[in-house]
């Protein structure tokens, strides 16, 4: 059964689909996942 879930803390549904998908798939905190991805982006 489909259940809608949005991991973004403010419920925003645009421009962050990768962060939301990864945080949901790995059951990680949204902001933690975003920080890690931003850090990797700068490397």
C-alpha atoms as a PDB file:
ATOM      1  CA  UNK A   1       0.000   0.000   0.000  1.00  0.00           C
ATOM      2  CA  UNK A   2       1.278   3.474  -0.909  1.00  0.00           C
ATOM      3  CA  UNK A   3       1.968   5.847   1.950  1.00  0.00           C
ATOM      4  CA  UNK A   4       3.143   9.373   1.207  1.00  0.00           C
ATOM      5  CA  UNK A   5       6.181  10.453   3.220  1.00  0.00           C
ATOM      6  CA  UNK A   6       8.200  13.634   2.932  1.00  0.00           C
ATOM      7  CA  UNK A   7      11.435  13.716   4.942  1.00  0.00           C
ATOM      8  CA  UNK A   8      11.999  17.450   4.429  1.00  0.00           C
ATOM      9  CA  UNK A   9      11.604  19.214   7.807  1.00  0.00           C
ATOM     10  CA  UNK A  10       9.394  21.936   6.279  1.00  0.00           C
ATOM     11  CA  UNK A  11       7.491  19.655   3.910  1.00  0.00           C
ATOM     12  CA  UNK A  12       8.972  21.223   0.776  1.00  0.00           C
ATOM     13  CA  UNK A  13       8.691  18.971  -2.282  1.00  0.00           C
ATOM     14  CA  UNK A  14      11.085  20.596  -4.781  1.00  0.00           C
ATOM     15  CA  UNK A  15      14.830  20.859  -5.431  1.00  0.00           C
ATOM     16  CA  UNK A  16      15.879  18.312  -2.812  1.00  0.00           C
ATOM     17  CA  UNK A  17      14.588  14.995  -4.177  1.00  0.00           C
ATOM     18  CA  UNK A  18      17.992  13.280  -3.889  1.00  0.00           C
ATOM     19  CA  UNK A  19      18.378  14.222  -0.225  1.00  0.00           C
ATOM     20  CA  UNK A  20      14.811  13.145   0.581  1.00  0.00           C
ATOM     21  CA  UNK A  21      15.213   9.844  -1.276  1.00  0.00           C
ATOM     22  CA  UNK A  22      18.498   8.943   0.411  1.00  0.00           C
ATOM     23  CA  UNK A  23      17.356   9.966   3.890  1.00  0.00           C
ATOM     24  CA  UNK A  24      14.176   7.920   3.491  1.00  0.00           C
ATOM     25  CA  UNK A  25      15.910   4.870   2.001  1.00  0.00           C
ATOM     26  CA  UNK A  26      18.569   4.734   4.713  1.00  0.00           C
ATOM     27  CA  UNK A  27      16.289   5.938   7.531  1.00  0.00           C
ATOM     28  CA  UNK A  28      18.659   8.839   8.265  1.00  0.00           C
ATOM     29  CA  UNK A  29      17.898  12.306   9.556  1.00  0.00           C
ATOM     30  CA  UNK A  30      17.224  14.702   6.668  1.00  0.00           C
ATOM     31  CA  UNK A  31      19.633  17.414   7.841  1.00  0.00           C
ATOM     32  CA  UNK A  32      22.390  14.903   8.613  1.00  0.00           C
ATOM     33  CA  UNK A  33      22.041  13.442   5.132  1.00  0.00           C
ATOM     34  CA  UNK A  34      22.057  16.896   3.559  1.00  0.00           C
ATOM     35  CA  UNK A  35      25.231  17.886   5.445  1.00  0.00           C
ATOM     36  CA  UNK A  36      26.991  14.689   4.364  1.00  0.00           C
ATOM     37  CA  UNK A  37      26.020  15.158   0.715  1.00  0.00           C
ATOM     38  CA  UNK A  38      27.127  18.803   0.744  1.00  0.00           C
ATOM     39  CA  UNK A  39      30.455  17.786   2.272  1.00  0.00           C
ATOM     40  CA  UNK A  40      30.991  15.144  -0.434  1.00  0.00           C
ATOM     41  CA  UNK A  41      30.071  17.690  -3.091  1.00  0.00           C
ATOM     42  CA  UNK A  42      32.928  19.946  -1.945  1.00  0.00           C
ATOM     43  CA  UNK A  43      35.566  17.182  -1.978  1.00  0.00           C
END
